[in-house]
Amino acid sequence: MASARPYGLPQVPASSPALSFPSSSAAAAVLTRARARAEAQLRSAVACERAMRWSQVVEHYTALLKTLSKEELPKDFEPGPYYSQLLFETYYHLAVAFQRQNHHKEAVQELNKAIEVASIPKIACQVGCVSRTFLHTPLFARRAYAYVKCGHLKEAIDDANKAVELDPLNPDVYCVRALVWNTVKEKKRALFDLNCSQKLKPSHISTLIIKGIIKNSLMATEGTQSLVKNKDHEKAYKLDKTSKNFFDVEDFHSPKMDDFYDRYLWSLNVPHTIMQVNLMAGSSFTSHLQSDSFHREKRMDLLPEQKAGSFICSTPTSYLDNTTFARRASYGKALKDAGLKLNANEISERILRITRAASEWSERRTPRSPVKIDSKTTVASTPGTLACKKKPEQKKSEASKTKSNK
């Protein structure tokens, strides 16, 4: 299940065979010193995290990022996935440290950098478009929290929607969006998301806590709070006795939100998967790859009317046959069916648009080869169907006969 999956870039073992040796002894010495500093700074940052000394956490992670910056490394050094994984985790945990100090604007900036690191470039695109992965899910969820604290509610809703789209089988993402909806006083939408979360996991504690407090507020407006027991809170208490400490957590403005997030939305946290820094794993040097065009960045400058940021890729794509597009069409149909099951009235417009475009394209691309049966009738052969069509001369003769009979 998606909620049980730890978020982290694919690990590269320290003894990776894909190693490229420095072009000079000076470069090797620079990398050795950088590795030693980075590992010491990482261990100090993690130790301060466990002691909850957040200001020192920020200092150590900031120093680590400076050590890992391209300016501090050899000019011909091309880092590998191990380096990207370390950057991804560092930016995320630095953002968490900022949030713990109520510096949410700085947290948004660090999460933006983590999103950029986790993005996968489209090789065929000449503009520089990227693809999202499941690695973006905890980043969008955490940034939605930061946006709410910054007062950017529209951006918070957008990020919560992105998290749900990327990991629709994780009940935690629906709780995040419910917290955002509850912040903007959209309790009915929050309850809808919580119902979706509860369908995925009936014993989801954070769902029961948030749902219980929303029901309490709704019953308070109706004057029936003292007459009805809160079954959601009772069930949450049976599952976890300490959950009663969070029965007043209603939205992201709650002072207990940091502890609630770490305790009950744990699948949206990024763990530390690197404690031993190895900058050489999976890396290369451009001096060894002069003839390799794939190690050079191919991106065109943006046009005057274009803006940097989210961009819908318009790179033309060609298929040798219909199988690839048919597979995409069937996937879109599956998403549509899943949306219908969750909510029969509100289906994602994006899913509908993709499915409609796929079906129209497949109909246009379906090969039709006319086959003559006799002199009066032609048959357009299609895969699995036969459609008989009459010639124009036959239509005219039948029309004249009907007139003469009249």
Protein backbone atom coordinates (compact mmCIF):
# COMPACT_ATOMS: atom_id res chain seq x y z
CA MET A 1 0.00 0.00 0.00
CA ALA A 2 1.19 3.48 -0.79
CA SER A 3 1.01 4.69 2.80
CA ALA A 4 3.54 2.12 3.96
CA ARG A 5 6.11 3.13 1.41
CA PRO A 6 9.03 5.19 2.73
CA TYR A 7 9.79 8.29 0.73
CA GLY A 8 13.37 8.53 -0.50
CA LEU A 9 15.27 8.53 -3.73
CA PRO A 10 16.54 5.14 -4.91
CA GLN A 11 19.57 4.37 -2.81
CA VAL A 12 22.97 3.96 -4.41
CA PRO A 13 25.24 1.63 -2.44
CA ALA A 14 28.51 3.06 -1.24
CA SER A 15 30.40 0.38 -3.14
CA SER A 16 28.73 1.21 -6.43
CA PRO A 17 30.67 -0.10 -9.41
CA ALA A 18 29.79 2.95 -11.48
CA LEU A 19 32.63 5.10 -10.16
CA SER A 20 34.63 7.65 -12.11
CA PHE A 21 37.98 8.64 -10.72
CA PRO A 22 39.09 12.28 -10.41
CA SER A 23 41.04 13.76 -13.26
CA SER A 24 43.78 14.97 -10.90
CA SER A 25 45.10 14.46 -7.39
CA ALA A 26 43.96 17.98 -6.49
CA ALA A 27 40.35 17.12 -7.38
CA ALA A 28 40.57 13.93 -5.33
CA ALA A 29 41.81 15.90 -2.33
CA VAL A 30 38.95 18.41 -2.67
CA LEU A 31 36.37 15.62 -2.77
CA THR A 32 37.93 13.85 0.22
CA ARG A 33 37.83 17.00 2.35
CA ALA A 34 34.27 17.78 1.21
CA ARG A 35 33.13 14.26 2.08
CA ALA A 36 34.61 14.44 5.58
CA ARG A 37 33.03 17.85 6.29
CA ALA A 38 29.65 16.82 4.86
CA GLU A 39 29.48 13.64 6.92
CA ALA A 40 30.38 15.48 10.15
CA GLN A 41 27.78 18.20 9.46
CA LEU A 42 25.11 15.61 8.63
CA ARG A 43 25.68 13.66 11.83
CA SER A 44 25.61 16.85 13.91
CA ALA A 45 22.34 17.93 12.26
CA VAL A 46 20.67 14.57 12.94
CA ALA A 47 21.86 14.61 16.58
CA CYS A 48 20.38 18.09 17.05
CA GLU A 49 17.13 16.93 15.44
CA ARG A 50 16.78 14.18 18.01
CA ALA A 51 17.49 16.69 20.78
CA MET A 52 14.99 19.13 19.16
CA ARG A 53 17.54 21.95 19.06
CA TRP A 54 16.08 23.41 15.89
CA SER A 55 18.23 26.52 15.57
CA GLN A 56 21.34 24.34 15.58
CA VAL A 57 19.71 21.99 13.09
CA VAL A 58 19.32 24.92 10.70
CA GLU A 59 22.97 25.90 11.17
CA HIS A 60 24.29 22.39 10.48
CA TYR A 61 22.08 21.79 7.45
CA THR A 62 22.96 25.19 6.00
CA ALA A 63 26.66 24.39 6.41
CA LEU A 64 26.08 20.98 4.79
CA LEU A 65 24.42 22.57 1.77
CA LYS A 66 27.32 24.98 1.40
CA THR A 67 29.75 22.06 1.45
CA LEU A 68 27.71 20.26 -1.22
CA SER A 69 27.35 23.31 -3.47
CA LYS A 70 28.87 23.10 -6.94
CA GLU A 71 31.19 26.02 -6.14
CA GLU A 72 32.91 23.97 -3.43
CA LEU A 73 33.43 20.92 -5.65
CA PRO A 74 35.75 20.41 -8.66
CA LYS A 75 34.52 22.14 -11.82
CA ASP A 76 34.50 18.96 -13.90
CA PHE A 77 32.69 16.94 -11.21
CA GLU A 78 29.28 15.60 -12.30
CA PRO A 79 27.44 14.25 -9.22
CA GLY A 80 25.32 11.12 -9.42
CA PRO A 81 22.01 10.03 -7.87
CA TYR A 82 23.62 9.57 -4.44
CA TYR A 83 24.37 13.31 -4.37
CA SER A 84 20.79 14.14 -5.44
CA GLN A 85 19.39 11.88 -2.75
CA LEU A 86 21.43 13.65 -0.08
CA LEU A 87 20.32 17.08 -1.35
CA PHE A 88 16.67 15.95 -1.42
CA GLU A 89 16.75 14.82 2.21
CA THR A 90 18.74 17.84 3.37
CA TYR A 91 16.36 20.39 1.86
CA TYR A 92 13.36 18.57 3.33
CA HIS A 93 14.72 18.32 6.87
CA LEU A 94 15.93 21.92 6.76
CA ALA A 95 12.36 22.95 5.86
CA VAL A 96 11.02 20.94 8.81
CA ALA A 97 13.49 22.68 11.13
CA PHE A 98 12.28 26.07 9.86
CA GLN A 99 8.66 25.04 10.42
CA ARG A 100 9.47 23.95 13.97
CA GLN A 101 10.66 27.53 14.59
CA ASN A 102 7.54 28.97 12.93
CA HIS A 103 9.59 30.26 9.97
CA HIS A 104 7.26 28.99 7.29
CA LYS A 105 8.34 31.36 4.54
CA GLU A 106 11.87 29.96 4.72
CA ALA A 107 10.39 26.44 4.79
CA VAL A 108 8.59 27.11 1.50
CA GLN A 109 11.87 28.18 -0.11
CA GLU A 110 13.65 24.99 0.97
CA LEU A 111 10.75 22.80 -0.15
CA ASN A 112 10.85 24.47 -3.56
CA LYS A 113 14.49 23.42 -3.87
CA ALA A 114 13.66 19.87 -2.79
CA ILE A 115 10.92 19.69 -5.42
CA GLU A 116 13.38 20.81 -8.08
CA VAL A 117 15.90 18.15 -7.03
CA ALA A 118 13.25 15.38 -7.05
CA SER A 119 11.96 16.32 -10.51
CA ILE A 120 12.96 14.08 -13.42
CA PRO A 121 13.88 15.98 -16.61
CA LYS A 122 12.19 14.95 -19.85
CA ILE A 123 15.04 14.01 -22.16
CA ALA A 124 13.09 14.68 -25.37
CA CYS A 125 11.83 18.09 -24.27
CA GLN A 126 13.87 21.05 -25.49
CA VAL A 127 12.31 23.53 -23.04
CA GLY A 128 13.29 21.80 -19.81
CA CYS A 129 10.05 20.18 -18.67
CA VAL A 130 10.11 17.74 -15.76
CA SER A 131 7.99 14.82 -14.57
CA ARG A 132 6.65 14.41 -11.07
CA THR A 133 7.17 11.26 -9.03
CA PHE A 134 5.89 9.87 -5.74
CA LEU A 135 8.84 11.68 -4.12
CA HIS A 136 6.92 14.92 -4.55
CA THR A 137 4.04 13.71 -2.35
CA PRO A 138 5.60 14.52 1.08
CA LEU A 139 6.99 17.78 -0.33
CA PHE A 140 3.61 19.01 -1.59
CA ALA A 141 1.92 17.94 1.66
CA ARG A 142 4.51 19.73 3.80
CA ARG A 143 4.43 22.82 1.57
CA ALA A 144 0.62 22.95 1.84
CA TYR A 145 1.06 23.20 5.61
CA ALA A 146 3.64 25.98 5.19
CA TYR A 147 1.45 27.87 2.72
CA VAL A 148 -1.46 27.84 5.18
CA LYS A 149 0.75 29.35 7.87
CA CYS A 150 1.92 31.99 5.38
CA GLY A 151 -1.67 32.87 4.51
CA HIS A 152 -1.45 31.60 0.91
CA LEU A 153 -4.58 29.46 1.00
CA LYS A 154 -5.01 29.05 -2.75
CA GLU A 155 -1.48 27.68 -3.09
CA ALA A 156 -2.10 25.40 -0.11
CA ILE A 157 -5.18 23.89 -1.77
CA ASP A 158 -3.26 23.40 -5.02
CA ASP A 159 -0.45 21.56 -3.24
CA ALA A 160 -2.91 19.39 -1.31
CA ASN A 161 -4.61 18.46 -4.60
CA LYS A 162 -1.25 17.55 -6.13
CA ALA A 163 -0.43 15.29 -3.18
CA VAL A 164 -3.75 13.47 -3.59
CA GLU A 165 -3.21 13.06 -7.34
CA LEU A 166 0.27 11.61 -6.83
CA ASP A 167 -0.67 9.14 -4.07
CA PRO A 168 -4.46 8.56 -4.13
CA LEU A 169 -4.23 5.32 -2.11
CA ASN A 170 -2.55 6.98 0.87
CA PRO A 171 -5.12 8.05 3.51
CA ASP A 172 -2.68 10.59 4.96
CA VAL A 173 -2.89 12.87 1.90
CA TYR A 174 -6.68 13.13 2.30
CA CYS A 175 -6.14 14.18 5.91
CA VAL A 176 -3.77 16.91 4.76
CA ARG A 177 -6.33 18.22 2.28
CA ALA A 178 -9.07 17.98 4.91
CA LEU A 179 -6.96 20.11 7.24
CA VAL A 180 -6.57 22.69 4.47
CA TRP A 181 -10.32 22.67 3.76
CA ASN A 182 -11.06 23.04 7.45
CA THR A 183 -8.69 26.00 7.62
CA VAL A 184 -10.78 27.82 4.99
CA LYS A 185 -14.03 26.77 6.78
CA GLU A 186 -15.04 24.25 4.12
CA LYS A 187 -16.15 21.57 6.56
CA LYS A 188 -18.27 19.60 4.08
CA ARG A 189 -15.35 19.22 1.70
CA ALA A 190 -13.15 18.25 4.62
CA LEU A 191 -15.64 15.56 5.66
CA PHE A 192 -15.74 14.23 2.09
CA ASP A 193 -11.94 13.82 2.08
CA LEU A 194 -12.05 12.18 5.49
CA ASN A 195 -14.67 9.73 4.27
CA CYS A 196 -12.36 8.85 1.36
CA SER A 197 -9.52 8.32 3.80
CA GLN A 198 -11.68 6.13 6.02
CA LYS A 199 -12.70 3.95 3.07
CA LEU A 200 -9.03 3.26 2.41
CA LYS A 201 -8.28 2.54 6.08
CA PRO A 202 -11.18 2.42 8.57
CA SER A 203 -8.81 2.45 11.57
CA HIS A 204 -6.84 5.50 10.44
CA ILE A 205 -6.29 7.42 13.68
CA SER A 206 -5.65 10.89 12.22
CA THR A 207 -8.84 10.57 10.16
CA LEU A 208 -10.85 9.71 13.27
CA ILE A 209 -9.34 12.60 15.25
CA ILE A 210 -10.02 15.26 12.59
CA LYS A 211 -13.44 13.86 11.73
CA GLY A 212 -14.43 13.84 15.40
CA ILE A 213 -13.50 17.48 15.99
CA ILE A 214 -15.36 18.57 12.83
CA LYS A 215 -18.47 16.70 13.95
CA ASN A 216 -18.18 18.33 17.37
CA SER A 217 -18.12 21.78 15.80
CA LEU A 218 -21.09 20.97 13.56
CA MET A 219 -23.09 19.62 16.48
CA ALA A 220 -22.19 22.67 18.54
CA THR A 221 -23.84 24.91 15.95
CA GLU A 222 -26.95 22.72 16.07
CA GLY A 223 -27.02 22.56 19.87
CA THR A 224 -26.86 18.74 20.06
CA GLN A 225 -23.26 18.27 21.22
CA SER A 226 -24.16 17.18 24.77
CA LEU A 227 -26.73 14.65 23.54
CA VAL A 228 -24.59 12.61 21.13
CA LYS A 229 -21.35 10.75 21.85
CA ASN A 230 -18.43 11.19 19.50
CA LYS A 231 -17.89 7.69 18.11
CA ASP A 232 -14.85 8.72 16.05
CA HIS A 233 -12.95 9.95 19.09
CA GLU A 234 -13.97 6.88 21.05
CA LYS A 235 -12.61 4.60 18.32
CA ALA A 236 -9.38 6.63 18.07
CA TYR A 237 -8.93 6.36 21.85
CA LYS A 238 -9.32 2.58 21.71
CA LEU A 239 -6.66 2.38 19.00
CA ASP A 240 -4.24 4.79 20.71
CA LYS A 241 -4.67 6.06 24.27
CA THR A 242 -2.46 9.11 23.62
CA SER A 243 -4.72 10.28 20.80
CA LYS A 244 -6.89 12.09 23.38
CA ASN A 245 -4.15 14.72 23.60
CA PHE A 246 -4.93 15.73 20.00
CA PHE A 247 -8.74 15.76 20.09
CA ASP A 248 -8.63 19.56 19.70
CA VAL A 249 -6.54 19.52 16.49
CA GLU A 250 -8.88 20.97 13.88
CA ASP A 251 -6.68 22.64 11.25
CA PHE A 252 -3.10 23.65 10.47
CA HIS A 253 -3.29 26.59 12.88
CA SER A 254 -3.39 24.27 15.87
CA PRO A 255 -0.35 24.72 18.20
CA LYS A 256 -0.06 20.90 18.38
CA MET A 257 0.17 20.49 14.61
CA ASP A 258 3.91 19.72 14.44
CA ASP A 259 3.61 16.83 16.91
CA PHE A 260 0.36 15.65 15.30
CA TYR A 261 1.96 15.67 11.84
CA ASP A 262 5.00 13.67 12.91
CA ARG A 263 3.01 11.17 14.96
CA TYR A 264 -0.03 10.43 12.81
CA LEU A 265 0.95 11.53 9.29
CA TRP A 266 4.25 9.65 9.43
CA SER A 267 4.03 8.31 5.86
CA LEU A 268 4.45 11.90 4.62
CA ASN A 269 7.81 12.31 6.37
CA VAL A 270 11.11 11.74 4.59
CA PRO A 271 13.46 9.49 6.59
CA HIS A 272 17.24 9.74 6.70
CA THR A 273 18.54 7.09 4.30
CA ILE A 274 22.09 8.49 4.10
CA MET A 275 24.38 8.69 7.10
CA GLN A 276 27.66 7.95 5.32
CA VAL A 277 28.46 10.48 2.62
CA ASN A 278 30.04 9.08 -0.56
CA LEU A 279 30.24 11.70 -3.29
CA MET A 280 31.93 9.32 -5.73
CA ALA A 281 29.06 6.82 -5.94
CA GLY A 282 27.49 7.08 -9.39
CA SER A 283 29.36 10.30 -10.20
CA SER A 284 31.49 11.17 -13.24
CA PHE A 285 33.86 13.80 -14.56
CA THR A 286 33.27 15.81 -17.71
CA SER A 287 36.95 15.54 -18.63
CA HIS A 288 36.31 11.83 -19.15
CA LEU A 289 33.10 12.39 -21.11
CA GLN A 290 33.96 14.96 -23.76
CA SER A 291 32.23 13.00 -26.51
CA ASP A 292 29.16 12.06 -24.46
CA SER A 293 26.33 14.39 -25.47
CA PHE A 294 23.96 13.05 -22.80
CA HIS A 295 26.05 14.67 -20.04
CA ARG A 296 25.53 18.13 -21.50
CA GLU A 297 22.41 20.03 -20.68
CA LYS A 298 20.17 20.63 -23.69
CA ARG A 299 17.67 23.33 -22.94
CA MET A 300 16.35 26.17 -25.01
CA ASP A 301 15.78 29.60 -23.57
CA LEU A 302 12.17 30.44 -22.80
CA LEU A 303 10.25 32.50 -25.31
CA PRO A 304 9.31 36.08 -24.31
CA GLU A 305 5.67 35.13 -23.63
CA GLN A 306 6.61 32.05 -21.57
CA LYS A 307 7.08 32.03 -17.81
CA ALA A 308 9.35 29.84 -15.76
CA GLY A 309 7.57 27.35 -13.52
CA SER A 310 4.86 24.82 -14.29
CA PHE A 311 4.71 24.15 -18.00
CA ILE A 312 2.61 21.75 -20.06
CA CYS A 313 5.01 19.97 -22.34
CA SER A 314 4.16 20.27 -26.05
CA THR A 315 7.02 18.11 -27.30
CA PRO A 316 5.63 16.07 -30.21
CA THR A 317 5.46 12.36 -29.54
CA SER A 318 5.20 9.65 -32.19
CA TYR A 319 4.20 6.03 -31.72
CA LEU A 320 5.11 3.14 -33.98
CA ASP A 321 1.75 1.51 -33.30
CA ASN A 322 -1.37 2.05 -31.21
CA THR A 323 -0.38 -0.17 -28.28
CA THR A 324 1.41 2.55 -26.29
CA PHE A 325 -1.39 5.07 -26.62
CA ALA A 326 -4.01 2.40 -25.96
CA ARG A 327 -2.24 1.57 -22.72
CA ARG A 328 -2.32 5.24 -21.72
CA ALA A 329 -6.01 5.42 -22.66
CA SER A 330 -6.85 2.39 -20.52
CA TYR A 331 -4.90 3.91 -17.62
CA GLY A 332 -6.89 7.14 -17.96
CA LYS A 333 -10.12 5.14 -17.99
CA ALA A 334 -9.05 3.34 -14.80
CA LEU A 335 -8.41 6.71 -13.14
CA LYS A 336 -11.81 7.90 -14.26
CA ASP A 337 -13.51 4.80 -12.83
CA ALA A 338 -11.65 5.26 -9.54
CA GLY A 339 -12.83 8.88 -9.42
CA LEU A 340 -16.40 7.77 -10.02
CA LYS A 341 -16.20 5.37 -7.09
CA LEU A 342 -14.87 8.07 -4.76
CA ASN A 343 -17.25 10.78 -5.87
CA ALA A 344 -19.91 10.32 -8.51
CA ASN A 345 -20.46 14.05 -8.88
CA GLU A 346 -16.96 15.51 -8.90
CA ILE A 347 -14.57 13.88 -11.34
CA SER A 348 -11.22 15.45 -12.03
CA GLU A 349 -11.50 17.53 -15.19
CA ARG A 350 -7.93 16.63 -16.01
CA ILE A 351 -8.74 12.89 -16.01
CA LEU A 352 -11.78 13.46 -18.19
CA ARG A 353 -9.76 15.55 -20.63
CA ILE A 354 -7.02 12.93 -20.90
CA THR A 355 -9.51 10.10 -21.39
CA ARG A 356 -11.49 12.03 -24.00
CA ALA A 357 -8.36 12.97 -25.94
CA ALA A 358 -7.13 9.37 -25.85
CA SER A 359 -10.39 7.97 -27.19
CA GLU A 360 -10.61 10.59 -29.95
CA TRP A 361 -7.01 9.97 -30.98
CA SER A 362 -7.49 6.19 -31.08
CA GLU A 363 -10.60 6.61 -33.25
CA ARG A 364 -8.73 8.84 -35.70
CA ARG A 365 -5.73 6.54 -35.84
CA THR A 366 -7.70 3.31 -36.28
CA PRO A 367 -6.77 1.96 -39.75
CA ARG A 368 -9.66 1.64 -42.16
CA SER A 369 -9.12 -0.26 -45.39
CA PRO A 370 -12.13 -0.38 -47.77
CA VAL A 371 -12.87 -3.81 -49.15
CA LYS A 372 -15.13 -4.32 -52.17
CA ILE A 373 -17.79 -6.99 -51.83
CA ASP A 374 -19.78 -6.26 -54.97
CA SER A 375 -20.27 -3.40 -57.38
CA LYS A 376 -22.84 -1.68 -55.18
CA THR A 377 -21.52 -2.03 -51.65
CA THR A 378 -18.20 -1.32 -49.96
CA VAL A 379 -17.19 -2.44 -46.49
CA ALA A 380 -14.84 -0.43 -44.28
CA SER A 381 -12.88 -2.97 -42.30
CA THR A 382 -11.85 -2.00 -38.80
CA PRO A 383 -10.36 -4.11 -35.99
CA GLY A 384 -13.23 -6.19 -34.62
CA THR A 385 -16.03 -4.42 -36.56
CA LEU A 386 -17.44 -4.34 -40.09
CA ALA A 387 -19.39 -1.29 -41.22
CA CYS A 388 -21.29 -1.46 -44.52
CA LYS A 389 -21.56 1.74 -46.51
CA LYS A 390 -23.59 2.29 -49.65
CA LYS A 391 -22.17 4.06 -52.65
CA PRO A 392 -23.59 7.46 -53.65
CA GLU A 393 -24.98 5.99 -56.92
CA GLN A 394 -26.96 3.41 -54.97
CA LYS A 395 -28.39 6.11 -52.71
CA LYS A 396 -29.54 8.18 -55.73
CA SER A 397 -31.25 5.19 -57.39
CA GLU A 398 -33.11 4.33 -54.17
CA ALA A 399 -34.23 7.95 -53.78
CA SER A 400 -35.62 8.00 -57.37
CA LYS A 401 -37.50 4.77 -56.75
CA THR A 402 -39.22 6.17 -53.67
CA LYS A 403 -40.28 9.28 -55.60
CA SER A 404 -41.74 7.21 -58.45
CA ASN A 405 -43.66 5.01 -55.98
CA LYS A 406 -45.18 8.10 -54.42
